[in-house]
N, C-alpha and C. Protein backbone atom coordinates (compact mmCIF):
# COMPACT_ATOMS: atom_id res chain seq x y z
N MET A 1 165.29 213.56 92.69
CA MET A 1 164.17 212.64 93.41
C MET A 1 165.20 212.22 94.49
N PRO A 2 164.14 211.81 95.80
CA PRO A 2 164.85 211.65 97.07
C PRO A 2 165.13 209.62 96.97
N LEU A 3 166.23 209.72 97.55
CA LEU A 3 166.95 207.99 97.40
C LEU A 3 165.82 207.05 97.95
N PHE A 4 164.73 207.54 99.22
CA PHE A 4 163.46 206.37 99.11
C PHE A 4 162.96 206.14 98.15
N PHE A 5 163.09 206.55 97.07
CA PHE A 5 162.32 206.38 95.84
C PHE A 5 163.04 205.06 95.03
N LYS A 6 164.42 204.92 95.25
CA LYS A 6 164.92 203.90 94.43
C LYS A 6 164.56 202.89 93.99
N SER A 7 164.47 202.30 95.85
CA SER A 7 163.39 200.60 95.62
C SER A 7 162.67 200.73 94.33
N LEU A 8 161.60 201.65 94.04
CA LEU A 8 159.80 201.57 93.33
C LEU A 8 160.66 201.42 91.80
N PHE A 9 162.17 201.84 91.52
CA PHE A 9 162.81 201.68 90.04
C PHE A 9 163.41 201.25 89.53
N TRP A 10 163.67 199.39 90.25
CA TRP A 10 164.95 198.38 90.45
C TRP A 10 164.58 198.30 88.98
N SER A 11 164.06 198.57 88.11
CA SER A 11 164.01 198.23 86.68
C SER A 11 164.66 199.46 85.73
N TYR A 12 164.51 200.54 86.58
CA TYR A 12 165.20 201.76 85.88
C TYR A 12 166.45 202.51 86.35
N ASN A 13 167.14 203.23 85.17
CA ASN A 13 168.45 203.56 85.81
C ASN A 13 168.00 204.51 86.37
N PHE A 14 168.37 204.81 88.04
CA PHE A 14 167.72 205.69 88.47
C PHE A 14 168.18 207.40 88.57
N SER A 15 169.69 207.32 88.55
CA SER A 15 169.97 208.35 88.45
C SER A 15 169.23 208.95 86.99
N ASN A 16 169.56 208.49 85.94
CA ASN A 16 168.85 209.24 84.67
C ASN A 16 167.30 209.69 84.73
N LEU A 17 166.90 208.99 85.90
CA LEU A 17 165.02 209.42 85.66
C LEU A 17 165.16 211.03 85.98
N ASP A 18 164.46 211.57 85.57
CA ASP A 18 164.08 213.02 85.45
C ASP A 18 162.95 213.73 86.11
N LEU A 19 162.78 214.38 87.01
CA LEU A 19 160.98 214.27 87.86
C LEU A 19 159.94 215.32 86.90
N ASP A 20 160.32 215.96 85.59
CA ASP A 20 159.49 216.44 84.86
C ASP A 20 159.10 215.30 83.72
N ARG A 21 160.28 214.82 82.92
CA ARG A 21 160.44 214.30 82.10
C ARG A 21 159.60 212.96 82.10
N ASP A 22 159.50 212.44 83.24
CA ASP A 22 159.23 210.98 83.42
C ASP A 22 158.24 211.20 84.57
N LYS A 23 157.37 212.14 84.81
CA LYS A 23 156.35 212.16 85.81
C LYS A 23 155.64 211.07 85.55
N LYS A 24 155.01 210.81 84.59
CA LYS A 24 154.40 209.71 84.40
C LYS A 24 154.92 208.25 85.41
N ARG A 25 155.79 208.12 84.55
CA ARG A 25 156.25 206.95 84.99
C ARG A 25 156.52 207.35 86.74
N VAL A 26 157.12 208.02 87.34
CA VAL A 26 157.13 208.30 88.49
C VAL A 26 156.05 208.13 89.34
N ILE A 27 155.08 208.76 88.98
CA ILE A 27 153.57 208.37 89.76
C ILE A 27 153.11 207.41 89.32
N ILE A 28 153.25 206.74 88.29
CA ILE A 28 152.53 205.39 88.02
C ILE A 28 153.54 204.23 89.43
N ASN A 29 154.87 203.96 89.33
CA ASN A 29 155.10 203.60 90.32
C ASN A 29 155.29 203.89 91.63
N ALA A 30 155.10 204.94 92.43
CA ALA A 30 155.07 205.45 93.19
C ALA A 30 153.62 204.79 93.54
N VAL A 31 152.63 205.11 92.86
CA VAL A 31 150.85 204.87 93.36
C VAL A 31 150.97 202.97 93.23
N ASN A 32 151.50 202.28 92.91
CA ASN A 32 151.80 200.50 92.37
C ASN A 32 152.62 200.18 93.48
N PHE A 33 153.62 200.52 93.44
CA PHE A 33 154.82 199.91 94.76
C PHE A 33 154.91 200.65 96.00
N GLY A 34 154.81 201.79 95.99
CA GLY A 34 155.12 202.94 96.97
C GLY A 34 154.56 202.58 98.54
N LYS A 35 154.83 203.23 99.47
CA LYS A 35 154.36 203.40 100.44
C LYS A 35 153.82 205.17 101.19
N TRP A 36 153.12 205.05 102.12
CA TRP A 36 152.53 206.41 102.13
C TRP A 36 153.51 207.34 102.19
N LYS A 37 154.40 207.51 102.50
CA LYS A 37 155.57 208.58 102.43
C LYS A 37 155.69 208.82 100.96
N HIS A 38 155.90 207.92 99.94
CA HIS A 38 155.88 208.40 98.64
C HIS A 38 154.97 208.93 98.50
N TRP A 39 153.67 208.31 98.44
CA TRP A 39 152.15 209.19 97.88
C TRP A 39 152.16 210.61 98.53
N LEU A 40 152.64 211.12 99.99
CA LEU A 40 152.78 212.33 100.22
C LEU A 40 153.99 213.17 99.31
N TRP A 41 155.07 212.54 99.09
CA TRP A 41 156.17 213.32 98.71
C TRP A 41 155.54 213.58 97.24
N LEU A 42 154.75 212.49 96.35
CA LEU A 42 153.90 213.11 95.39
C LEU A 42 153.32 214.06 95.45
N ILE A 43 152.34 214.00 96.27
CA ILE A 43 151.57 215.39 96.44
C ILE A 43 152.14 216.64 96.69
N ASP A 44 152.97 216.52 97.56
CA ASP A 44 153.78 217.94 97.96
C ASP A 44 154.99 218.07 96.66
N PHE A 45 155.16 217.53 95.71
CA PHE A 45 156.04 217.89 94.70
C PHE A 45 155.12 217.97 93.49
N TYR A 46 153.97 217.26 93.04
CA TYR A 46 153.14 217.79 91.49
C TYR A 46 151.82 218.52 91.77
N GLY A 47 151.54 218.03 93.35
CA GLY A 47 150.04 218.68 93.75
C GLY A 47 149.20 217.64 93.10
N LYS A 48 147.87 217.80 94.26
CA LYS A 48 147.04 216.62 93.62
C LYS A 48 146.42 216.64 92.25
N ASN A 49 145.96 217.88 91.67
CA ASN A 49 145.15 217.86 90.56
C ASN A 49 146.10 217.40 89.27
N ARG A 50 147.58 217.55 89.53
CA ARG A 50 148.46 217.25 88.20
C ARG A 50 148.51 215.26 88.79
N ILE A 51 148.56 215.29 89.34
CA ILE A 51 148.75 213.73 90.15
C ILE A 51 147.27 213.25 89.15
N LYS A 52 146.01 213.48 89.81
CA LYS A 52 144.76 213.55 89.16
C LYS A 52 144.92 213.30 87.44
N LYS A 53 145.37 214.24 86.97
CA LYS A 53 144.69 214.98 85.59
C LYS A 53 145.80 213.44 84.84
N ILE A 54 147.06 212.81 85.41
CA ILE A 54 147.69 211.97 84.62
C ILE A 54 147.43 210.71 85.10
N ILE A 55 146.52 210.36 86.27
CA ILE A 55 146.06 209.24 86.76
C ILE A 55 145.01 208.85 85.70
N GLU A 56 144.05 209.91 85.78
CA GLU A 56 142.85 210.04 84.76
C GLU A 56 143.09 209.57 83.22
N GLU A 57 144.53 210.23 82.90
CA GLU A 57 144.87 210.02 81.24
C GLU A 57 145.53 208.95 81.26
N THR A 58 145.70 207.92 81.99
CA THR A 58 146.19 206.37 82.13
C THR A 58 145.52 205.67 81.91
N PRO A 59 145.35 204.95 81.29
CA PRO A 59 144.82 203.06 81.39
C PRO A 59 145.07 202.64 82.51
N GLU A 60 143.98 202.25 82.84
CA GLU A 60 143.63 201.55 84.54
C GLU A 60 144.26 200.10 84.39
N THR A 61 144.50 199.63 83.59
CA THR A 61 145.41 198.57 83.23
C THR A 61 147.04 198.73 83.90
N GLU A 62 147.86 200.42 83.78
CA GLU A 62 148.59 200.51 84.32
C GLU A 62 149.16 200.13 85.59
N PHE A 63 147.95 200.30 86.57
CA PHE A 63 147.96 200.10 87.74
C PHE A 63 147.69 199.12 88.78
N ARG A 64 147.82 198.59 89.73
CA ARG A 64 147.51 197.66 90.72
C ARG A 64 146.57 198.21 90.80
N GLU A 65 145.02 197.18 91.53
CA GLU A 65 143.84 197.30 91.61
C GLU A 65 143.55 198.21 92.93
N PRO A 66 144.08 197.55 93.62
CA PRO A 66 143.80 197.81 95.03
C PRO A 66 144.45 199.13 95.02
N ALA A 67 145.83 199.42 94.42
CA ALA A 67 146.55 200.87 94.88
C ALA A 67 145.65 202.10 94.33
N LEU A 68 145.08 201.81 92.70
CA LEU A 68 144.37 202.66 92.30
C LEU A 68 142.63 202.84 92.70
N LYS A 69 142.24 201.87 93.31
CA LYS A 69 140.87 201.92 94.24
C LYS A 69 141.41 203.11 95.37
N LEU A 70 142.83 202.96 95.88
CA LEU A 70 142.51 204.15 97.05
C LEU A 70 143.44 205.41 96.81
N ILE A 71 144.10 205.53 95.60
CA ILE A 71 144.20 206.60 95.18
C ILE A 71 143.29 207.32 94.83
N SER A 72 142.39 206.93 94.25
CA SER A 72 141.28 207.19 93.68
C SER A 72 140.27 207.80 94.31
N LEU A 73 140.22 207.03 95.55
CA LEU A 73 139.16 207.66 96.82
C LEU A 73 139.79 208.95 97.24
N LEU A 74 141.38 208.56 97.39
CA LEU A 74 141.86 210.35 98.41
C LEU A 74 141.91 211.14 97.17
N LEU A 75 142.15 210.80 96.07
CA LEU A 75 142.11 212.14 95.17
C LEU A 75 140.57 212.66 94.32
N GLY A 76 139.88 211.50 94.77
CA GLY A 76 138.42 212.13 93.99
C GLY A 76 138.24 211.64 92.41
N ILE A 77 139.00 210.79 92.29
CA ILE A 77 138.59 210.24 91.16
C ILE A 77 137.84 209.86 90.43
N LYS A 78 137.11 209.82 89.34
CA LYS A 78 135.72 209.22 89.30
C LYS A 78 135.88 208.80 88.29
N LYS A 79 136.59 208.78 87.20
CA LYS A 79 136.42 208.12 85.73
C LYS A 79 138.05 208.13 85.62
N LEU A 80 138.24 206.96 84.99
CA LEU A 80 139.44 206.30 84.85
C LEU A 80 139.25 205.94 83.18
N LYS A 81 140.38 206.10 82.65
CA LYS A 81 140.62 205.50 81.03
C LYS A 81 140.87 203.87 80.73
N TYR A 82 140.08 203.45 80.17
CA TYR A 82 140.07 202.25 79.97
C TYR A 82 140.74 201.61 78.34
N ALA A 83 141.74 201.33 79.08
CA ALA A 83 142.33 200.69 77.34
C ALA A 83 142.78 198.85 77.87
N SER A 84 142.32 198.11 76.87
CA SER A 84 143.02 196.68 77.53
C SER A 84 144.57 196.87 77.30
N ARG A 85 145.36 196.07 77.80
CA ARG A 85 146.83 196.45 77.90
C ARG A 85 147.20 196.32 76.45
N SER A 86 146.87 195.44 75.79
CA SER A 86 147.42 195.17 74.00
C SER A 86 147.17 196.15 73.20
N ASP A 87 145.44 197.27 73.74
CA ASP A 87 145.34 198.18 73.05
C ASP A 87 146.62 199.51 72.93
N TYR A 88 146.70 199.52 74.41
CA TYR A 88 147.67 200.21 75.09
C TYR A 88 149.05 200.45 74.45
N ILE A 89 149.74 199.09 74.30
CA ILE A 89 151.04 198.66 73.94
C ILE A 89 150.81 199.03 72.45
N ARG A 90 149.60 198.37 71.64
CA ARG A 90 149.75 198.44 70.32
C ARG A 90 149.76 200.41 69.89
N SER A 91 149.07 200.71 70.70
CA SER A 91 148.77 202.69 70.57
C SER A 91 150.12 203.17 70.61
N LYS A 92 151.07 202.74 71.77
CA LYS A 92 152.58 203.33 71.82
C LYS A 92 153.47 203.07 70.70
N LYS A 93 153.10 201.59 69.98
CA LYS A 93 154.21 201.47 69.21
C LYS A 93 153.94 202.27 67.73
N ASN A 94 152.40 202.75 67.71
CA ASN A 94 151.86 203.17 66.38
C ASN A 94 152.58 204.67 66.61
N THR A 95 152.56 205.40 68.02
CA THR A 95 152.88 206.80 67.75
C THR A 95 154.58 207.00 68.14
N SER A 96 154.97 206.30 68.28
CA SER A 96 156.84 206.35 68.01
C SER A 96 157.15 205.33 66.87
N GLY A 97 156.07 205.11 65.51
CA GLY A 97 156.71 204.96 64.56
C GLY A 97 157.16 203.53 64.05
N ILE A 98 157.11 202.91 65.52
CA ILE A 98 157.49 201.44 65.41
C ILE A 98 156.34 200.47 64.89
N ARG A 99 156.38 199.55 64.12
CA ARG A 99 155.06 198.99 63.66
C ARG A 99 155.64 197.56 63.40
């Protein structure tokens, strides 16, 4: 991943991020905290359809509202997955075996 992404991952070990394994986190952080150059890189690397699919499958509570509105307009996203933040966290704990 280009070094100009490092500032978007202040709470992660940047050198351990994998563009394939961590694509959802990369896309969410870039949409929420990135600038235009980050968005252009995402589209170039992952492609619009892949980004659109990941955003559509991610609860909208994962995104900052202004960023989500803009990326939805740019990518033609009409339907977003809704889940309250607490429901989303609970589902992640249940699928990882943590209770």
